[in-house]
């Protein structure tokens, strides 16, 4: 949200958007996000929790300060808020996307957003939300564009009946907060309860995870109970299984933290995967086209990463193997591949887990299972960056009861 002080000069108006202080310039999809993140949101969610839904519109551009980088992933500011909300309250998630994609060029996006506002436009939304009536609490997130919601949010509110529901707005901005958008939502949805919501400056969003979590928890919304997996009945509990081993590769420490929590909760042993040539911070800079990790991503033949040690003593004694890794470009970080290829998982239950600021587990576990060719591979779990011990322990305990 940036203030335009040179209204008499159209060119200056556009150029000043990134630096002024009352109108958030339109913008929140980098090339990295478009290629590696679009599969993270569920475009047409069905209600898996019967209660909470996080809806967001996020459109980063190529100039404005409208993105954050969390564990090497570039996310729109509003997108990041939505993911933290989803994780905290156990919500389904829906990304509002236009039928006709918006430009990612800053100047073109600024002009289009203003044109839509002047025309009171209603851009068409690409997908629909299934079973919308079954949701009770709807988080609605958006950036502040020209002191208002993006016009596609008006399309969204026109599309659905919010009668009897609770709307919880959240937004990101460059200085103007919600402006008058809370009142606007109340006018658009008079039969819904509209809470005051949460607004975070783009200058603060990078380090705002705990602030968002605390806010969501203060709402006292119930987190959905996980539904047992249909295959759970045929599986043993960890109490009846043999020894447990937690294998992990960690680039920044997040996966290592989760691995330690799992080992403590299961009384398992730890096995850390270490490349013989460790990754430096510069190596892991995925925004640098010349960095090691980008080079390996672009050249799959270079992903054969030698490990200090790829086999485990007394391997046959372990019945349950947790395998942890960060998500790189939607798949498991490739330093784990050497361990998978070096071991026989026959007769073992294998449970993948990953850490990521936004990306889900995706097909990473499935791809590792195909690489292994043996073992009873489970669905696994994704943890956000900075996951708490209580979150990890709760997941492990659910496995002991229904999955293993």
Protein backbone atom coordinates (compact mmCIF):
# COMPACT_ATOMS: atom_id res chain seq x y z
CA UNK A 1 0.00 0.00 0.00
CA UNK A 2 1.86 2.98 -1.17
CA UNK A 3 0.89 6.58 -1.35
CA UNK A 4 0.87 8.17 -4.79
CA UNK A 5 1.95 11.77 -4.35
CA UNK A 6 2.54 12.72 -7.96
CA UNK A 7 -0.96 12.26 -9.34
CA UNK A 8 -0.42 14.77 -12.09
CA UNK A 9 2.29 12.62 -13.67
CA UNK A 10 1.05 9.21 -14.77
CA UNK A 11 4.49 7.79 -15.33
CA UNK A 12 5.73 8.94 -11.95
CA UNK A 13 2.65 7.48 -10.37
CA UNK A 14 3.50 4.02 -11.61
CA UNK A 15 7.18 4.26 -10.78
CA UNK A 16 6.51 5.51 -7.26
CA UNK A 17 4.32 2.58 -6.30
CA UNK A 18 7.19 0.50 -5.03
CA UNK A 19 8.50 3.24 -2.76
CA UNK A 20 5.55 5.25 -1.43
CA UNK A 21 3.31 4.50 1.48
CA UNK A 22 -0.46 4.33 1.13
CA UNK A 23 -1.50 2.15 -1.79
CA UNK A 24 -0.23 -1.39 -2.06
CA UNK A 25 0.79 -1.89 -5.63
CA UNK A 26 -0.68 -4.91 -7.33
CA UNK A 27 1.63 -7.81 -7.40
CA UNK A 28 2.45 -11.02 -5.62
CA UNK A 29 3.85 -14.62 -8.98
CA UNK A 30 7.44 -15.04 -9.56
CA UNK A 31 8.67 -17.41 -12.26
CA UNK A 32 9.84 -19.74 -9.49
CA UNK A 33 6.44 -19.73 -7.86
CA UNK A 34 4.59 -20.27 -11.10
CA UNK A 35 6.70 -23.27 -12.00
CA UNK A 36 7.05 -24.95 -8.63
CA UNK A 37 4.27 -23.75 -6.37
CA UNK A 38 1.04 -23.82 -8.32
CA UNK A 39 0.50 -27.47 -7.48
CA UNK A 40 0.61 -26.72 -3.75
CA UNK A 41 -2.85 -25.22 -3.47
CA UNK A 42 -6.02 -27.24 -3.94
CA UNK A 43 -8.02 -25.47 -6.64
CA UNK A 44 -11.33 -27.20 -5.91
CA UNK A 45 -11.23 -28.43 -2.32
CA UNK A 46 -13.89 -30.67 -0.90
CA UNK A 47 -14.56 -30.17 2.76
CA UNK A 48 -12.25 -32.62 4.50
CA UNK A 49 -12.57 -31.00 7.92
CA UNK A 50 -16.18 -29.82 7.98
CA UNK A 51 -15.32 -26.41 9.34
CA UNK A 52 -12.49 -24.15 8.17
CA UNK A 53 -11.45 -22.86 4.76
CA UNK A 54 -8.62 -20.48 3.87
CA UNK A 55 -9.22 -18.61 0.61
CA UNK A 56 -6.59 -16.27 -0.77
CA UNK A 57 -5.60 -14.20 -3.77
CA UNK A 58 -1.88 -13.59 -4.17
CA UNK A 59 -0.21 -12.00 -7.18
CA UNK A 60 3.47 -11.14 -6.77
CA UNK A 61 5.03 -9.11 -9.54
CA UNK A 62 8.58 -8.84 -10.82
CA UNK A 63 9.42 -5.54 -9.12
CA UNK A 64 7.51 -4.91 -5.96
CA UNK A 65 8.46 -6.12 -2.50
CA UNK A 66 5.53 -8.54 -2.43
CA UNK A 67 7.27 -11.86 -1.82
CA UNK A 68 9.03 -13.68 0.97
CA UNK A 69 11.66 -16.39 0.73
CA UNK A 70 11.13 -19.15 3.29
CA UNK A 71 13.58 -22.06 3.23
CA UNK A 72 14.49 -21.24 -0.36
CA UNK A 73 10.89 -21.01 -1.58
CA UNK A 74 9.56 -17.76 -3.00
CA UNK A 75 5.98 -17.08 -1.93
CA UNK A 76 3.59 -14.19 -2.28
CA UNK A 77 3.06 -12.32 0.97
CA UNK A 78 -0.64 -13.19 1.14
CA UNK A 79 0.08 -16.73 -0.03
CA UNK A 80 2.46 -17.21 2.89
CA UNK A 81 -0.15 -15.97 5.37
CA UNK A 82 -2.68 -18.40 3.92
CA UNK A 83 -0.31 -21.36 4.27
CA UNK A 84 0.44 -20.56 7.91
CA UNK A 85 -3.29 -20.21 8.63
CA UNK A 86 -4.01 -23.50 6.90
CA UNK A 87 -1.36 -25.30 8.90
CA UNK A 88 -2.37 -23.74 12.22
CA UNK A 89 -6.10 -24.32 12.13
CA UNK A 90 -6.26 -27.41 9.94
CA UNK A 91 -8.13 -25.66 7.14
CA UNK A 92 -8.73 -26.59 3.55
CA UNK A 93 -7.23 -24.07 1.15
CA UNK A 94 -8.36 -22.44 -2.10
CA UNK A 95 -6.37 -20.07 -4.26
CA UNK A 96 -8.38 -17.52 -6.23
CA UNK A 97 -7.00 -17.46 -9.75
CA UNK A 98 -8.41 -15.52 -12.72
CA UNK A 99 -9.50 -17.29 -15.88
CA UNK A 100 -7.29 -14.88 -17.79
CA UNK A 101 -3.95 -14.77 -15.99
CA UNK A 102 -2.72 -11.42 -14.73
CA UNK A 103 0.61 -10.13 -16.04
CA UNK A 104 3.60 -10.54 -13.75
CA UNK A 105 5.21 -7.39 -15.14
CA UNK A 106 4.82 -4.73 -12.44
CA UNK A 107 3.85 -1.81 -14.65
CA UNK A 108 1.34 -3.81 -16.66
CA UNK A 109 -0.20 -5.25 -13.50
CA UNK A 110 -0.49 -1.80 -11.93
CA UNK A 111 -2.28 -0.44 -14.99
CA UNK A 112 -4.63 -3.42 -15.23
CA UNK A 113 -5.56 -3.29 -11.54
CA UNK A 114 -6.40 0.39 -11.76
CA UNK A 115 -8.38 -0.16 -14.94
CA UNK A 116 -10.41 -2.91 -13.28
CA UNK A 117 -11.09 -0.68 -10.31
CA UNK A 118 -12.18 2.24 -12.50
CA UNK A 119 -14.48 -0.08 -14.48
CA UNK A 120 -15.84 -1.79 -11.34
CA UNK A 121 -14.89 -5.00 -13.13
CA UNK A 122 -15.66 -8.54 -12.02
CA UNK A 123 -12.83 -10.75 -13.35
CA UNK A 124 -13.88 -14.36 -13.82
CA UNK A 125 -12.45 -16.90 -11.38
CA UNK A 126 -10.86 -20.03 -12.81
CA UNK A 127 -12.16 -22.69 -10.39
CA UNK A 128 -15.02 -23.28 -7.98
CA UNK A 129 -15.07 -24.38 -4.33
CA UNK A 130 -16.83 -27.69 -3.83
CA UNK A 131 -19.23 -28.09 -0.91
CA UNK A 132 -18.89 -24.46 0.06
CA UNK A 133 -22.05 -24.64 2.17
CA UNK A 134 -20.41 -27.06 4.58
CA UNK A 135 -17.73 -24.60 5.71
CA UNK A 136 -18.40 -22.51 8.79
CA UNK A 137 -15.34 -20.28 9.07
CA UNK A 138 -13.89 -18.71 5.93
CA UNK A 139 -10.51 -16.97 6.06
CA UNK A 140 -10.30 -14.56 3.12
CA UNK A 141 -6.92 -13.10 2.22
CA UNK A 142 -5.83 -10.46 -0.27
CA UNK A 143 -3.27 -7.70 -0.84
CA UNK A 144 -4.32 -4.07 -0.62
CA UNK A 145 -4.51 -2.68 -4.16
CA UNK A 146 -5.14 1.03 -4.54
CA UNK A 147 -6.72 1.21 -1.06
CA UNK A 148 -9.19 -1.58 -1.82
CA UNK A 149 -9.47 -5.31 -2.40
CA UNK A 150 -8.45 -6.51 -5.85
CA UNK A 151 -11.58 -6.59 -7.98
CA UNK A 152 -11.43 -10.36 -8.30
CA UNK A 153 -12.33 -10.49 -4.59
CA UNK A 154 -15.62 -8.78 -5.49
CA UNK A 155 -16.18 -11.59 -8.00
CA UNK A 156 -15.54 -14.07 -5.21
CA UNK A 157 -18.04 -12.50 -2.82
CA UNK A 158 -20.61 -12.25 -5.61
CA UNK A 159 -20.20 -15.96 -6.36
CA UNK A 160 -20.94 -17.49 -2.94
CA UNK A 161 -23.60 -17.17 -0.25
CA UNK A 162 -21.94 -16.44 3.09
CA UNK A 163 -25.16 -16.34 5.13
CA UNK A 164 -24.59 -17.74 8.60
CA UNK A 165 -20.84 -18.06 8.10
CA UNK A 166 -17.96 -16.32 9.83
CA UNK A 167 -15.63 -14.39 7.53
CA UNK A 168 -12.12 -13.77 8.83
CA UNK A 169 -10.23 -11.34 6.60
CA UNK A 170 -6.45 -11.17 6.39
CA UNK A 171 -4.29 -9.04 4.18
CA UNK A 172 -0.82 -7.81 3.39
CA UNK A 173 0.00 -4.22 2.64
CA UNK A 174 2.65 -1.58 2.21
CA UNK A 175 1.34 0.86 4.81
CA UNK A 176 -2.45 1.21 4.64
CA UNK A 177 -3.58 -1.95 6.40
CA UNK A 178 -7.11 -3.00 5.53
CA UNK A 179 -8.11 0.54 4.42
CA UNK A 180 -11.92 0.31 4.31
CA UNK A 181 -12.14 -3.27 3.11
CA UNK A 182 -13.57 -4.73 6.32
CA UNK A 183 -16.56 -2.41 6.01
CA UNK A 184 -16.81 -3.30 2.34
CA UNK A 185 -16.99 -7.01 3.11
CA UNK A 186 -19.68 -6.37 5.71
CA UNK A 187 -21.70 -4.50 3.10
CA UNK A 188 -21.22 -7.25 0.54
CA UNK A 189 -22.13 -10.01 3.01
CA UNK A 190 -24.68 -8.55 5.48
CA UNK A 191 -25.83 -11.99 6.63
CA UNK A 192 -22.37 -13.14 7.67
CA UNK A 193 -20.36 -12.37 10.78
CA UNK A 194 -17.23 -10.49 9.70
CA UNK A 195 -14.37 -10.40 12.20
CA UNK A 196 -11.77 -7.64 12.36
CA UNK A 197 -9.13 -9.90 10.85
CA UNK A 198 -5.36 -9.60 10.66
CA UNK A 199 -3.30 -7.20 8.54
CA UNK A 200 0.48 -7.46 8.24
CA UNK A 201 2.87 -5.10 6.52
CA UNK A 202 4.96 -6.55 3.75
CA UNK A 203 7.96 -5.22 5.66
CA UNK A 204 7.15 -7.58 8.54
CA UNK A 205 5.73 -10.66 6.81
CA UNK A 206 9.09 -12.44 6.43
CA UNK A 207 9.31 -13.02 10.20
CA UNK A 208 5.60 -13.03 11.03
CA UNK A 209 4.90 -16.76 11.31
CA UNK A 210 4.54 -16.80 15.08
CA UNK A 211 2.43 -13.63 15.00
CA UNK A 212 0.05 -15.29 12.53
CA UNK A 213 -0.07 -18.51 14.56
CA UNK A 214 -0.82 -16.60 17.78
CA UNK A 215 -3.59 -14.64 16.06
CA UNK A 216 -5.24 -17.75 14.62
CA UNK A 217 -5.03 -19.52 17.97
CA UNK A 218 -6.65 -16.51 19.65
CA UNK A 219 -9.73 -17.06 17.49
CA UNK A 220 -10.30 -20.35 19.32
CA UNK A 221 -11.36 -22.23 16.22
CA UNK A 222 -11.37 -25.99 16.45
CA UNK A 223 -8.79 -27.84 14.40
CA UNK A 224 -10.22 -30.69 12.40
CA UNK A 225 -9.71 -34.20 13.61
CA UNK A 226 -7.70 -36.28 11.19
CA UNK A 227 -9.61 -39.06 9.53
CA UNK A 228 -8.05 -42.53 9.74
CA UNK A 229 -6.49 -43.75 6.54
CA UNK A 230 -8.50 -46.55 4.95
CA UNK A 231 -5.46 -48.82 4.96
CA UNK A 232 -4.75 -48.32 8.64
CA UNK A 233 -6.63 -51.34 9.90
CA UNK A 234 -4.12 -53.72 8.37
CA UNK A 235 -1.10 -52.06 9.94
CA UNK A 236 0.65 -52.61 13.24
CA UNK A 237 1.28 -50.07 15.98
CA UNK A 238 4.78 -48.92 16.78
CA UNK A 239 4.49 -50.55 20.17
CA UNK A 240 4.26 -53.92 18.43
CA UNK A 241 6.92 -53.18 15.83
CA UNK A 242 10.66 -53.59 16.14
CA UNK A 243 13.21 -50.82 16.40
CA UNK A 244 12.65 -47.45 14.80
CA UNK A 245 15.20 -45.50 12.78
CA UNK A 246 14.88 -41.83 11.81
CA UNK A 247 16.95 -41.02 8.73
CA UNK A 248 17.18 -37.44 7.55
CA UNK A 249 18.94 -34.92 5.40
CA UNK A 250 18.71 -31.33 6.62
CA UNK A 251 19.94 -28.30 4.69
CA UNK A 252 19.02 -25.50 7.11
CA UNK A 253 18.21 -27.31 10.38
CA UNK A 254 14.41 -27.50 10.09
CA UNK A 255 14.32 -31.15 9.06
CA UNK A 256 16.89 -32.00 11.72
CA UNK A 257 14.66 -30.50 14.42
CA UNK A 258 11.68 -32.56 13.29
CA UNK A 259 13.84 -35.70 13.09
CA UNK A 260 14.97 -35.19 16.68
CA UNK A 261 11.36 -34.79 17.83
CA UNK A 262 10.36 -38.00 16.05
CA UNK A 263 13.29 -39.93 17.49
CA UNK A 264 12.44 -38.76 21.01
CA UNK A 265 8.76 -39.62 20.58
CA UNK A 266 9.44 -43.10 19.19
CA UNK A 267 12.56 -43.90 21.19
CA UNK A 268 14.17 -44.33 17.79
CA UNK A 269 17.73 -44.06 16.59
CA UNK A 270 18.95 -41.19 14.40
CA UNK A 271 20.94 -41.41 11.19
CA UNK A 272 22.01 -38.16 9.55
CA UNK A 273 22.75 -38.08 5.83
CA UNK A 274 25.79 -35.94 5.10
CA UNK A 275 27.09 -35.21 1.59
CA UNK A 276 30.82 -35.75 1.24
CA UNK A 277 30.86 -32.29 -0.30
CA UNK A 278 28.65 -30.24 2.07
CA UNK A 279 26.34 -27.57 0.70
CA UNK A 280 27.33 -24.02 1.59
CA UNK A 281 24.84 -21.18 1.92
CA UNK A 282 25.88 -20.03 -1.53
CA UNK A 283 25.34 -23.54 -2.88
CA UNK A 284 21.78 -23.50 -1.54
CA UNK A 285 20.88 -20.10 -2.99
CA UNK A 286 18.21 -21.20 -5.43
CA UNK A 287 17.68 -17.62 -6.65
CA UNK A 288 21.20 -17.68 -8.13
CA UNK A 289 21.19 -19.36 -11.53
CA UNK A 290 24.84 -20.27 -11.04
CA UNK A 291 24.48 -21.89 -7.62
CA UNK A 292 25.17 -25.56 -7.06
CA UNK A 293 21.59 -26.49 -6.21
CA UNK A 294 20.21 -24.75 -9.30
CA UNK A 295 22.82 -26.40 -11.49
CA UNK A 296 21.91 -29.80 -10.06
CA UNK A 297 18.22 -29.10 -10.54
CA UNK A 298 18.74 -28.15 -14.16
CA UNK A 299 21.03 -31.12 -14.79
CA UNK A 300 19.60 -34.30 -13.22
CA UNK A 301 22.79 -36.20 -14.02
CA UNK A 302 24.51 -34.06 -11.38
CA UNK A 303 22.13 -35.10 -8.59
CA UNK A 304 24.09 -38.24 -7.70
CA UNK A 305 25.33 -36.86 -4.37
CA UNK A 306 27.95 -38.97 -2.61
CA UNK A 307 27.28 -39.43 1.11
CA UNK A 308 29.75 -39.79 3.95
CA UNK A 309 27.80 -42.90 4.92
CA UNK A 310 24.80 -44.42 3.14
CA UNK A 311 24.26 -47.67 5.06
CA UNK A 312 23.30 -48.30 8.69
CA UNK A 313 24.76 -50.80 11.10
CA UNK A 314 22.33 -53.50 12.21
CA UNK A 315 19.91 -52.42 9.44
CA UNK A 316 17.96 -55.68 9.72
CA UNK A 317 16.92 -54.84 13.30
CA UNK A 318 14.82 -51.88 12.19
CA UNK A 319 11.20 -52.44 11.23
CA UNK A 320 10.10 -48.80 10.95
CA UNK A 321 12.07 -46.21 9.00
CA UNK A 322 11.22 -42.52 9.01
CA UNK A 323 12.90 -40.64 6.15
CA UNK A 324 13.04 -36.86 6.32
CA UNK A 325 14.10 -34.17 3.87
CA UNK A 326 13.38 -30.63 2.72
CA UNK A 327 11.38 -30.16 -0.47
CA UNK A 328 13.42 -28.93 -3.43
CA UNK A 329 11.43 -27.94 -6.49
CA UNK A 330 8.49 -30.08 -5.44
CA UNK A 331 10.51 -33.27 -4.80
CA UNK A 332 12.67 -34.70 -2.03
CA UNK A 333 16.07 -33.04 -1.73
CA UNK A 334 18.25 -35.33 -3.82
CA UNK A 335 20.96 -36.05 -1.21
CA UNK A 336 18.52 -38.65 0.18
CA UNK A 337 18.56 -40.58 -3.10
CA UNK A 338 21.89 -42.22 -2.35
CA UNK A 339 20.54 -43.68 0.87
CA UNK A 340 17.38 -44.97 -0.81
CA UNK A 341 19.34 -46.67 -3.57
CA UNK A 342 21.87 -48.22 -1.18
CA UNK A 343 19.40 -50.06 1.06
CA UNK A 344 16.85 -52.86 0.87
CA UNK A 345 13.54 -51.91 2.51
CA UNK A 346 11.91 -55.33 2.23
CA UNK A 347 9.74 -56.02 5.27
CA UNK A 348 10.06 -52.47 6.60
CA UNK A 349 7.44 -49.75 7.07
CA UNK A 350 8.76 -46.53 5.59
CA UNK A 351 7.28 -43.16 6.56
CA UNK A 352 8.50 -40.07 4.72
CA UNK A 353 8.32 -36.61 6.25
CA UNK A 354 9.38 -33.27 4.87
CA UNK A 355 9.80 -29.68 5.95
CA UNK A 356 8.65 -26.81 3.78
CA UNK A 357 7.22 -23.33 4.17
CA UNK A 358 4.51 -24.08 1.64
CA UNK A 359 5.06 -27.12 -0.51
CA UNK A 360 3.19 -30.25 0.47
CA UNK A 361 4.67 -33.71 0.49
CA UNK A 362 3.42 -33.99 -3.07
CA UNK A 363 4.71 -37.04 -4.91
CA UNK A 364 8.07 -36.99 -3.16
CA UNK A 365 7.31 -40.07 -1.08
CA UNK A 366 5.88 -41.93 -4.06
CA UNK A 367 8.96 -41.14 -6.14
CA UNK A 368 11.27 -42.39 -3.38
CA UNK A 369 9.19 -45.55 -3.04
CA UNK A 370 9.55 -46.18 -6.76
CA UNK A 371 13.28 -45.61 -6.47
CA UNK A 372 13.52 -48.05 -3.54
CA UNK A 373 11.38 -50.73 -5.16
CA UNK A 374 10.84 -52.41 -1.79
CA UNK A 375 9.21 -51.59 1.54
CA UNK A 376 5.72 -50.65 2.73
CA UNK A 377 5.73 -46.92 2.08
CA UNK A 378 3.20 -44.78 3.93
CA UNK A 379 1.75 -41.41 2.91
CA UNK A 380 3.88 -39.38 5.31
CA UNK A 381 3.62 -35.82 6.54
CA UNK A 382 4.78 -32.31 5.73
CA UNK A 383 5.78 -29.92 8.54
CA UNK A 384 6.08 -26.18 8.21
CA UNK A 385 9.32 -24.41 8.96
CA UNK A 386 9.71 -24.08 12.69
CA UNK A 387 7.23 -26.85 13.48
CA UNK A 388 6.75 -27.28 17.20
CA UNK A 389 7.59 -30.44 19.12
CA UNK A 390 3.95 -30.78 20.16
CA UNK A 391 2.83 -30.82 16.51
CA UNK A 392 5.35 -33.52 15.63
CA UNK A 393 4.57 -35.62 18.70
CA UNK A 394 0.83 -35.41 17.99
CA UNK A 395 1.45 -36.74 14.49
CA UNK A 396 3.65 -39.57 15.75
CA UNK A 397 1.05 -40.54 18.32
CA UNK A 398 -1.61 -40.65 15.60
CA UNK A 399 0.63 -43.04 13.67
CA UNK A 400 0.97 -45.30 16.68
CA UNK A 401 -2.78 -45.49 16.93
CA UNK A 402 -3.93 -45.75 13.35
CA UNK A 403 -1.18 -45.94 10.76
CA UNK A 404 1.71 -48.20 11.61
